[in-house]
């Protein structure tokens, strides 16, 4: 699992900030990005857990993208390690 601090936008509008009497619109908002690799039989359960923990019902709750992982290569050795995961 990886957790990254990122900036992005979607349906949310940017924020308006004031600095020294001037207004600025900040269109990219701070967000967290989670990246997980799980077994196929765990996908539904993991999605349900994320939704249960993250859903507020407000714009900006986020999205879950589900993609297959066909291979993993360890950079240090060059070996294919999908079986080991």
N, C-alpha and C. Protein backbone atom coordinates (compact mmCIF):
# COMPACT_ATOMS: atom_id res chain seq x y z
N UNK A 1 0.85 -1.17 0.00
CA UNK A 1 0.00 0.00 0.00
C UNK A 1 0.89 1.23 0.00
N UNK A 2 0.54 2.20 -0.82
CA UNK A 2 1.20 3.51 -0.85
C UNK A 2 0.16 4.58 -0.55
N UNK A 3 0.55 5.57 0.22
CA UNK A 3 -0.28 6.75 0.47
C UNK A 3 0.54 7.96 0.05
N UNK A 4 -0.03 8.76 -0.87
CA UNK A 4 0.67 9.93 -1.39
C UNK A 4 -0.18 11.17 -1.18
N UNK A 5 0.48 12.28 -0.87
CA UNK A 5 -0.20 13.57 -0.84
C UNK A 5 -0.14 14.13 -2.25
N UNK A 6 -1.30 14.40 -2.84
CA UNK A 6 -1.37 14.88 -4.22
C UNK A 6 -2.27 16.11 -4.28
N UNK A 7 -2.30 16.74 -5.45
CA UNK A 7 -3.21 17.86 -5.70
C UNK A 7 -4.03 17.51 -6.92
N UNK A 8 -5.31 17.86 -6.90
CA UNK A 8 -6.16 17.55 -8.03
C UNK A 8 -7.47 18.30 -7.96
N UNK A 9 -8.30 18.05 -8.96
CA UNK A 9 -9.63 18.64 -8.96
C UNK A 9 -10.57 17.75 -9.72
N UNK A 10 -11.82 17.89 -9.44
CA UNK A 10 -12.88 17.15 -10.12
C UNK A 10 -14.09 18.05 -10.14
N UNK A 11 -15.17 17.58 -9.55
CA UNK A 11 -16.38 18.40 -9.47
C UNK A 11 -16.27 19.50 -8.42
N UNK A 12 -15.32 19.34 -7.52
CA UNK A 12 -15.12 20.37 -6.51
C UNK A 12 -14.63 21.64 -7.18
N UNK A 13 -15.09 22.75 -6.67
CA UNK A 13 -14.58 24.03 -7.14
C UNK A 13 -13.32 24.35 -6.35
N UNK A 14 -12.47 25.16 -6.94
CA UNK A 14 -11.26 25.58 -6.23
C UNK A 14 -11.61 26.48 -5.06
N UNK A 15 -10.62 26.77 -4.28
CA UNK A 15 -10.80 27.64 -3.13
C UNK A 15 -10.36 29.05 -3.50
N UNK A 16 -11.02 30.04 -2.92
CA UNK A 16 -10.59 31.42 -3.10
C UNK A 16 -9.85 31.84 -1.84
N UNK A 17 -8.65 32.32 -2.02
CA UNK A 17 -7.81 32.77 -0.91
C UNK A 17 -7.52 34.25 -1.10
N UNK A 18 -7.28 34.94 0.00
CA UNK A 18 -6.89 36.35 -0.06
C UNK A 18 -5.47 36.47 0.46
N UNK A 19 -4.67 37.26 -0.25
CA UNK A 19 -3.30 37.52 0.17
C UNK A 19 -2.99 38.97 -0.13
N UNK A 20 -2.69 39.73 0.90
CA UNK A 20 -2.36 41.15 0.77
C UNK A 20 -3.38 41.92 -0.06
N UNK A 21 -4.65 41.66 0.22
CA UNK A 21 -5.72 42.40 -0.43
C UNK A 21 -6.15 41.89 -1.79
N UNK A 22 -5.47 40.89 -2.32
CA UNK A 22 -5.84 40.33 -3.63
C UNK A 22 -6.45 38.95 -3.45
N UNK A 23 -7.41 38.63 -4.31
CA UNK A 23 -8.03 37.31 -4.29
C UNK A 23 -7.37 36.40 -5.31
N UNK A 24 -7.13 35.16 -4.91
CA UNK A 24 -6.55 34.16 -5.78
C UNK A 24 -7.41 32.91 -5.72
N UNK A 25 -7.63 32.29 -6.87
CA UNK A 25 -8.37 31.03 -6.90
C UNK A 25 -7.36 29.90 -7.01
N UNK A 26 -7.41 29.00 -6.05
CA UNK A 26 -6.54 27.83 -6.05
C UNK A 26 -7.37 26.68 -6.59
N UNK A 27 -7.09 26.26 -7.83
CA UNK A 27 -7.94 25.27 -8.48
C UNK A 27 -7.60 23.84 -8.10
N UNK A 28 -6.35 23.57 -7.77
CA UNK A 28 -5.97 22.22 -7.37
C UNK A 28 -6.04 22.14 -5.85
N UNK A 29 -6.77 21.16 -5.35
CA UNK A 29 -6.94 20.98 -3.92
C UNK A 29 -6.10 19.81 -3.43
N UNK A 30 -5.66 19.90 -2.17
CA UNK A 30 -4.88 18.81 -1.59
C UNK A 30 -5.77 17.59 -1.41
N UNK A 31 -5.21 16.44 -1.75
CA UNK A 31 -5.93 15.17 -1.62
C UNK A 31 -4.95 14.09 -1.20
N UNK A 32 -5.48 12.96 -0.78
CA UNK A 32 -4.66 11.78 -0.51
C UNK A 32 -4.94 10.75 -1.59
N UNK A 33 -3.90 10.08 -2.04
CA UNK A 33 -4.05 9.02 -3.03
C UNK A 33 -3.57 7.72 -2.40
N UNK A 34 -4.46 6.73 -2.38
CA UNK A 34 -4.12 5.40 -1.88
C UNK A 34 -3.90 4.48 -3.07
N UNK A 35 -2.86 3.70 -3.04
CA UNK A 35 -2.62 2.69 -4.07
C UNK A 35 -2.44 1.35 -3.37
N UNK A 36 -3.29 0.40 -3.73
CA UNK A 36 -3.23 -0.92 -3.12
C UNK A 36 -3.21 -1.97 -4.21
N UNK A 37 -2.50 -3.04 -3.97
CA UNK A 37 -2.54 -4.21 -4.85
C UNK A 37 -3.04 -5.36 -4.00
N UNK A 38 -4.18 -5.93 -4.41
CA UNK A 38 -4.78 -7.02 -3.64
C UNK A 38 -5.14 -8.17 -4.57
N UNK A 39 -5.35 -9.32 -4.00
CA UNK A 39 -5.79 -10.49 -4.76
C UNK A 39 -7.18 -10.22 -5.33
N UNK A 40 -7.49 -10.84 -6.47
CA UNK A 40 -8.80 -10.65 -7.10
C UNK A 40 -9.95 -10.93 -6.14
N UNK A 41 -9.80 -11.95 -5.31
CA UNK A 41 -10.89 -12.32 -4.41
C UNK A 41 -11.05 -11.36 -3.23
N UNK A 42 -10.15 -10.38 -3.09
CA UNK A 42 -10.23 -9.41 -2.01
C UNK A 42 -10.74 -8.04 -2.47
N UNK A 43 -10.87 -7.85 -3.78
CA UNK A 43 -11.19 -6.52 -4.32
C UNK A 43 -12.49 -5.98 -3.75
N UNK A 44 -13.55 -6.75 -3.80
CA UNK A 44 -14.86 -6.26 -3.34
C UNK A 44 -14.82 -5.87 -1.87
N UNK A 45 -14.18 -6.68 -1.04
CA UNK A 45 -14.10 -6.40 0.39
C UNK A 45 -13.29 -5.12 0.64
N UNK A 46 -12.18 -4.95 -0.06
CA UNK A 46 -11.35 -3.76 0.12
C UNK A 46 -12.11 -2.51 -0.32
N UNK A 47 -12.81 -2.58 -1.45
CA UNK A 47 -13.61 -1.45 -1.91
C UNK A 47 -14.67 -1.08 -0.88
N UNK A 48 -15.35 -2.07 -0.33
CA UNK A 48 -16.37 -1.81 0.69
C UNK A 48 -15.78 -1.13 1.92
N UNK A 49 -14.60 -1.58 2.35
CA UNK A 49 -13.94 -0.99 3.53
C UNK A 49 -13.54 0.46 3.27
N UNK A 50 -13.00 0.73 2.08
CA UNK A 50 -12.60 2.11 1.75
C UNK A 50 -13.83 3.01 1.73
N UNK A 51 -14.89 2.56 1.08
CA UNK A 51 -16.12 3.36 1.02
C UNK A 51 -16.67 3.62 2.42
N UNK A 52 -16.69 2.59 3.27
CA UNK A 52 -17.20 2.75 4.63
C UNK A 52 -16.38 3.78 5.42
N UNK A 53 -15.08 3.83 5.19
CA UNK A 53 -14.22 4.74 5.93
C UNK A 53 -14.18 6.14 5.33
N UNK A 54 -14.37 6.27 4.01
CA UNK A 54 -14.13 7.55 3.35
C UNK A 54 -15.39 8.31 2.94
N UNK A 55 -16.52 7.65 2.86
CA UNK A 55 -17.73 8.31 2.35
C UNK A 55 -18.29 9.30 3.36
N UNK A 56 -18.44 10.55 2.89
CA UNK A 56 -19.09 11.58 3.70
C UNK A 56 -20.41 12.00 3.07
N UNK A 57 -20.60 11.64 1.80
CA UNK A 57 -21.79 12.07 1.08
C UNK A 57 -21.63 13.43 0.43
N UNK A 58 -20.46 14.03 0.58
CA UNK A 58 -20.18 15.34 0.02
C UNK A 58 -19.34 15.21 -1.25
N UNK A 59 -19.41 16.25 -2.09
CA UNK A 59 -18.53 16.29 -3.26
C UNK A 59 -17.09 16.25 -2.77
N UNK A 60 -16.26 15.46 -3.42
CA UNK A 60 -14.86 15.37 -3.04
C UNK A 60 -14.51 14.10 -2.30
N UNK A 61 -15.49 13.20 -2.10
CA UNK A 61 -15.19 11.94 -1.43
C UNK A 61 -14.15 11.13 -2.20
N UNK A 62 -14.09 11.30 -3.51
CA UNK A 62 -13.07 10.63 -4.30
C UNK A 62 -13.63 9.53 -5.18
N UNK A 63 -12.71 8.81 -5.79
CA UNK A 63 -13.05 7.72 -6.70
C UNK A 63 -12.16 6.53 -6.39
N UNK A 64 -12.63 5.37 -6.80
CA UNK A 64 -11.82 4.15 -6.70
C UNK A 64 -11.67 3.61 -8.11
N UNK A 65 -10.44 3.48 -8.56
CA UNK A 65 -10.15 2.89 -9.86
C UNK A 65 -9.65 1.48 -9.63
N UNK A 66 -10.20 0.51 -10.34
CA UNK A 66 -9.79 -0.89 -10.20
C UNK A 66 -9.18 -1.32 -11.52
N UNK A 67 -7.92 -1.76 -11.45
CA UNK A 67 -7.18 -2.16 -12.65
C UNK A 67 -6.49 -3.49 -12.41
N UNK A 68 -6.39 -4.32 -13.44
CA UNK A 68 -5.63 -5.56 -13.28
C UNK A 68 -4.13 -5.27 -13.26
N UNK A 69 -3.40 -6.10 -12.55
CA UNK A 69 -1.94 -6.02 -12.54
C UNK A 69 -1.44 -7.27 -13.23
N UNK A 70 -0.82 -7.10 -14.39
CA UNK A 70 -0.39 -8.27 -15.16
C UNK A 70 1.01 -8.74 -14.79
N UNK A 71 1.82 -7.84 -14.24
CA UNK A 71 3.18 -8.23 -13.88
C UNK A 71 3.75 -7.20 -12.93
N UNK A 72 4.73 -7.62 -12.15
CA UNK A 72 5.49 -6.73 -11.28
C UNK A 72 6.96 -7.09 -11.48
N UNK A 73 7.78 -6.08 -11.69
CA UNK A 73 9.21 -6.31 -11.89
C UNK A 73 9.97 -5.61 -10.77
N UNK A 74 10.80 -6.36 -10.07
CA UNK A 74 11.64 -5.78 -9.03
C UNK A 74 12.80 -5.06 -9.73
N UNK A 75 12.90 -3.76 -9.51
CA UNK A 75 13.89 -2.95 -10.22
C UNK A 75 15.31 -3.41 -9.92
N UNK A 76 15.62 -3.69 -8.67
CA UNK A 76 16.98 -4.05 -8.27
C UNK A 76 17.50 -5.28 -9.02
N UNK A 77 16.65 -6.30 -9.18
CA UNK A 77 17.11 -7.56 -9.77
C UNK A 77 16.57 -7.81 -11.17
N UNK A 78 15.53 -7.09 -11.56
CA UNK A 78 14.91 -7.31 -12.86
C UNK A 78 13.99 -8.52 -12.89
N UNK A 79 13.80 -9.19 -11.76
CA UNK A 79 12.98 -10.39 -11.75
C UNK A 79 11.49 -10.06 -11.76
N UNK A 80 10.72 -10.93 -12.39
CA UNK A 80 9.26 -10.83 -12.37
C UNK A 80 8.78 -11.45 -11.07
N UNK A 81 8.02 -10.68 -10.30
CA UNK A 81 7.66 -11.16 -8.96
C UNK A 81 6.16 -11.21 -8.73
N UNK A 82 5.35 -11.23 -9.76
CA UNK A 82 3.90 -11.24 -9.56
C UNK A 82 3.46 -12.45 -8.73
N UNK A 83 4.11 -13.58 -8.90
CA UNK A 83 3.75 -14.78 -8.15
C UNK A 83 4.03 -14.61 -6.66
N UNK A 84 5.06 -13.86 -6.32
CA UNK A 84 5.45 -13.69 -4.92
C UNK A 84 4.52 -12.75 -4.17
N UNK A 85 3.74 -11.98 -4.89
CA UNK A 85 2.87 -11.03 -4.22
C UNK A 85 1.59 -11.72 -3.84
